[in-house]
Amino acid sequence: TISYGNTITYKELGEKCNIENPRVIGMAMKANPLPLIFPCHRVMSKDKNKNFYSPGVFYKDFLHRLENIKT
């Protein structure tokens, strides 16, 4: 789980799931059909690049502002 208002990197999430390749985590996040229920917007690249969010940067920014996430 990634608590409200917090973020985690693809690598950190992969380590928690025993997955060595962070791209696998990215592909799972991209396939997420319910991003508000399963908060993939809280998963970030290590350099905080938001371009990888499939619904779009606008939505990721909106959700981060909503949760008061500083990026």
N, C-alpha and C. Protein backbone atom coordinates (compact mmCIF):
# COMPACT_ATOMS: atom_id res chain seq x y z
N THR A 1 0.84 -1.19 0.00
CA THR A 1 0.00 0.00 0.00
C THR A 1 0.88 1.25 0.00
N ILE A 2 0.38 2.27 -0.62
CA ILE A 2 1.04 3.57 -0.63
C ILE A 2 0.03 4.53 -0.04
N SER A 3 0.32 5.04 1.12
CA SER A 3 -0.66 5.84 1.84
C SER A 3 -0.93 7.17 1.14
N TYR A 4 -2.11 7.70 1.40
CA TYR A 4 -2.58 8.96 0.85
C TYR A 4 -1.54 10.05 1.09
N GLY A 5 -1.20 10.79 0.04
CA GLY A 5 -0.28 11.90 0.16
C GLY A 5 1.19 11.52 0.06
N ASN A 6 1.48 10.25 -0.16
CA ASN A 6 2.87 9.79 -0.26
C ASN A 6 3.13 9.20 -1.63
N THR A 7 4.41 9.10 -1.97
CA THR A 7 4.81 8.49 -3.23
C THR A 7 5.87 7.44 -2.97
N ILE A 8 6.11 6.64 -3.99
CA ILE A 8 7.14 5.62 -3.97
C ILE A 8 7.68 5.52 -5.39
N THR A 9 8.94 5.11 -5.53
CA THR A 9 9.48 4.97 -6.88
C THR A 9 9.14 3.59 -7.43
N TYR A 10 9.25 3.46 -8.74
CA TYR A 10 9.03 2.16 -9.38
C TYR A 10 9.99 1.13 -8.79
N LYS A 11 11.23 1.53 -8.59
CA LYS A 11 12.24 0.62 -8.04
C LYS A 11 11.88 0.19 -6.62
N GLU A 12 11.49 1.14 -5.78
CA GLU A 12 11.12 0.80 -4.40
C GLU A 12 9.92 -0.15 -4.36
N LEU A 13 8.94 0.10 -5.21
CA LEU A 13 7.77 -0.77 -5.26
C LEU A 13 8.17 -2.16 -5.76
N GLY A 14 9.06 -2.20 -6.74
CA GLY A 14 9.56 -3.48 -7.24
C GLY A 14 10.26 -4.27 -6.14
N GLU A 15 11.07 -3.59 -5.34
CA GLU A 15 11.76 -4.25 -4.24
C GLU A 15 10.78 -4.82 -3.22
N LYS A 16 9.71 -4.08 -2.93
CA LYS A 16 8.69 -4.57 -2.00
C LYS A 16 7.96 -5.78 -2.54
N CYS A 17 7.86 -5.87 -3.87
CA CYS A 17 7.14 -6.98 -4.52
C CYS A 17 8.09 -8.07 -5.01
N ASN A 18 9.38 -7.96 -4.69
CA ASN A 18 10.39 -8.91 -5.16
C ASN A 18 10.44 -8.99 -6.68
N ILE A 19 10.35 -7.84 -7.33
CA ILE A 19 10.46 -7.75 -8.78
C ILE A 19 11.69 -6.90 -9.07
N GLU A 20 12.64 -7.48 -9.79
CA GLU A 20 13.92 -6.81 -10.02
C GLU A 20 13.85 -5.69 -11.05
N ASN A 21 13.00 -5.82 -12.04
CA ASN A 21 12.96 -4.85 -13.14
C ASN A 21 11.84 -3.82 -12.90
N PRO A 22 12.19 -2.55 -12.65
CA PRO A 22 11.17 -1.53 -12.41
C PRO A 22 10.22 -1.33 -13.58
N ARG A 23 10.65 -1.72 -14.79
CA ARG A 23 9.77 -1.58 -15.96
C ARG A 23 8.54 -2.47 -15.84
N VAL A 24 8.68 -3.59 -15.15
CA VAL A 24 7.54 -4.48 -14.93
C VAL A 24 6.49 -3.75 -14.08
N ILE A 25 6.95 -3.01 -13.09
CA ILE A 25 6.04 -2.21 -12.26
C ILE A 25 5.38 -1.14 -13.12
N GLY A 26 6.15 -0.50 -13.97
CA GLY A 26 5.60 0.52 -14.86
C GLY A 26 4.53 -0.04 -15.79
N MET A 27 4.76 -1.23 -16.31
CA MET A 27 3.77 -1.85 -17.19
C MET A 27 2.50 -2.19 -16.42
N ALA A 28 2.65 -2.63 -15.18
CA ALA A 28 1.49 -2.92 -14.34
C ALA A 28 0.70 -1.65 -14.05
N MET A 29 1.41 -0.56 -13.77
CA MET A 29 0.74 0.71 -13.50
C MET A 29 -0.01 1.20 -14.75
N LYS A 30 0.59 1.01 -15.91
CA LYS A 30 -0.03 1.45 -17.16
C LYS A 30 -1.31 0.66 -17.44
N ALA A 31 -1.35 -0.60 -17.02
CA ALA A 31 -2.51 -1.46 -17.27
C ALA A 31 -3.60 -1.28 -16.22
N ASN A 32 -3.39 -0.43 -15.25
CA ASN A 32 -4.35 -0.22 -14.16
C ASN A 32 -5.65 0.37 -14.71
N PRO A 33 -6.78 -0.38 -14.62
CA PRO A 33 -8.04 0.14 -15.15
C PRO A 33 -8.75 1.11 -14.21
N LEU A 34 -8.34 1.15 -12.94
CA LEU A 34 -9.03 1.99 -11.95
C LEU A 34 -8.01 2.82 -11.16
N PRO A 35 -7.43 3.85 -11.79
CA PRO A 35 -6.37 4.58 -11.11
C PRO A 35 -6.77 5.32 -9.84
N LEU A 36 -8.03 5.61 -9.67
CA LEU A 36 -8.44 6.25 -8.41
C LEU A 36 -8.59 5.23 -7.28
N ILE A 37 -8.90 4.00 -7.64
CA ILE A 37 -9.04 2.93 -6.64
C ILE A 37 -7.67 2.35 -6.31
N PHE A 38 -6.87 2.11 -7.35
CA PHE A 38 -5.51 1.60 -7.19
C PHE A 38 -4.58 2.74 -7.59
N PRO A 39 -4.09 3.51 -6.62
CA PRO A 39 -3.46 4.81 -6.88
C PRO A 39 -2.09 4.75 -7.54
N CYS A 40 -2.07 4.45 -8.83
CA CYS A 40 -0.80 4.40 -9.56
C CYS A 40 -0.17 5.78 -9.71
N HIS A 41 -0.94 6.84 -9.48
CA HIS A 41 -0.36 8.18 -9.57
C HIS A 41 0.63 8.44 -8.43
N ARG A 42 0.65 7.58 -7.43
CA ARG A 42 1.60 7.73 -6.32
C ARG A 42 2.93 7.06 -6.61
N VAL A 43 3.03 6.37 -7.73
CA VAL A 43 4.28 5.72 -8.11
C VAL A 43 5.01 6.64 -9.09
N MET A 44 6.25 6.96 -8.77
CA MET A 44 7.01 7.95 -9.53
C MET A 44 8.33 7.36 -10.00
N SER A 45 8.88 7.94 -11.05
CA SER A 45 10.24 7.60 -11.44
C SER A 45 11.19 8.24 -10.43
N LYS A 46 12.41 7.74 -10.38
CA LYS A 46 13.35 8.27 -9.38
C LYS A 46 13.66 9.74 -9.58
N ASP A 47 13.51 10.24 -10.82
CA ASP A 47 13.76 11.66 -11.07
C ASP A 47 12.46 12.48 -11.08
N LYS A 48 11.37 11.87 -10.60
CA LYS A 48 10.05 12.52 -10.46
C LYS A 48 9.43 12.92 -11.79
N ASN A 49 9.84 12.27 -12.88
CA ASN A 49 9.28 12.53 -14.20
C ASN A 49 7.83 12.04 -14.24
N LYS A 50 6.91 12.90 -14.59
CA LYS A 50 5.49 12.56 -14.62
C LYS A 50 5.00 12.11 -15.99
N ASN A 51 5.86 12.11 -16.97
CA ASN A 51 5.44 11.79 -18.34
C ASN A 51 5.04 10.35 -18.53
N PHE A 52 5.26 9.51 -17.55
CA PHE A 52 4.96 8.09 -17.70
C PHE A 52 3.55 7.74 -17.25
N TYR A 53 2.75 8.69 -16.86
CA TYR A 53 1.40 8.41 -16.37
C TYR A 53 0.46 8.33 -17.57
N SER A 54 -0.09 7.13 -17.82
CA SER A 54 -0.85 6.91 -19.06
C SER A 54 -2.10 7.79 -19.21
N PRO A 55 -2.85 8.13 -18.13
CA PRO A 55 -3.98 9.05 -18.35
C PRO A 55 -3.54 10.47 -18.70
N GLY A 56 -2.27 10.79 -18.45
CA GLY A 56 -1.74 12.09 -18.83
C GLY A 56 -1.20 12.87 -17.65
N VAL A 57 -0.27 13.75 -17.94
CA VAL A 57 0.38 14.57 -16.92
C VAL A 57 -0.63 15.45 -16.21
N PHE A 58 -1.60 15.99 -16.94
CA PHE A 58 -2.62 16.86 -16.33
C PHE A 58 -3.31 16.15 -15.17
N TYR A 59 -3.69 14.88 -15.38
CA TYR A 59 -4.41 14.14 -14.34
C TYR A 59 -3.50 13.80 -13.17
N LYS A 60 -2.25 13.47 -13.46
CA LYS A 60 -1.32 13.16 -12.38
C LYS A 60 -1.09 14.42 -11.54
N ASP A 61 -0.90 15.57 -12.18
CA ASP A 61 -0.74 16.83 -11.44
C ASP A 61 -1.98 17.12 -10.60
N PHE A 62 -3.16 16.93 -11.19
CA PHE A 62 -4.40 17.17 -10.46
C PHE A 62 -4.49 16.29 -9.22
N LEU A 63 -4.21 15.00 -9.37
CA LEU A 63 -4.29 14.07 -8.24
C LEU A 63 -3.23 14.39 -7.19
N HIS A 64 -2.06 14.82 -7.62
CA HIS A 64 -1.01 15.20 -6.66
C HIS A 64 -1.43 16.45 -5.89
N ARG A 65 -2.00 17.41 -6.58
CA ARG A 65 -2.48 18.62 -5.88
C ARG A 65 -3.59 18.25 -4.90
N LEU A 66 -4.48 17.37 -5.33
CA LEU A 66 -5.60 16.93 -4.47
C LEU A 66 -5.08 16.29 -3.17
N GLU A 67 -4.01 15.51 -3.28
CA GLU A 67 -3.45 14.83 -2.13
C GLU A 67 -2.33 15.62 -1.46
N ASN A 68 -2.07 16.82 -1.97
CA ASN A 68 -1.02 17.69 -1.44
C ASN A 68 0.35 17.02 -1.50
N ILE A 69 0.61 16.30 -2.60
CA ILE A 69 1.89 15.65 -2.82
C ILE A 69 2.83 16.66 -3.45
N LYS A 70 3.99 16.85 -2.84
CA LYS A 70 5.00 17.78 -3.37
C LYS A 70 5.90 17.02 -4.31
N THR A 71 5.94 17.45 -5.59
CA THR A 71 6.83 16.79 -6.56
C THR A 71 7.69 17.81 -7.25
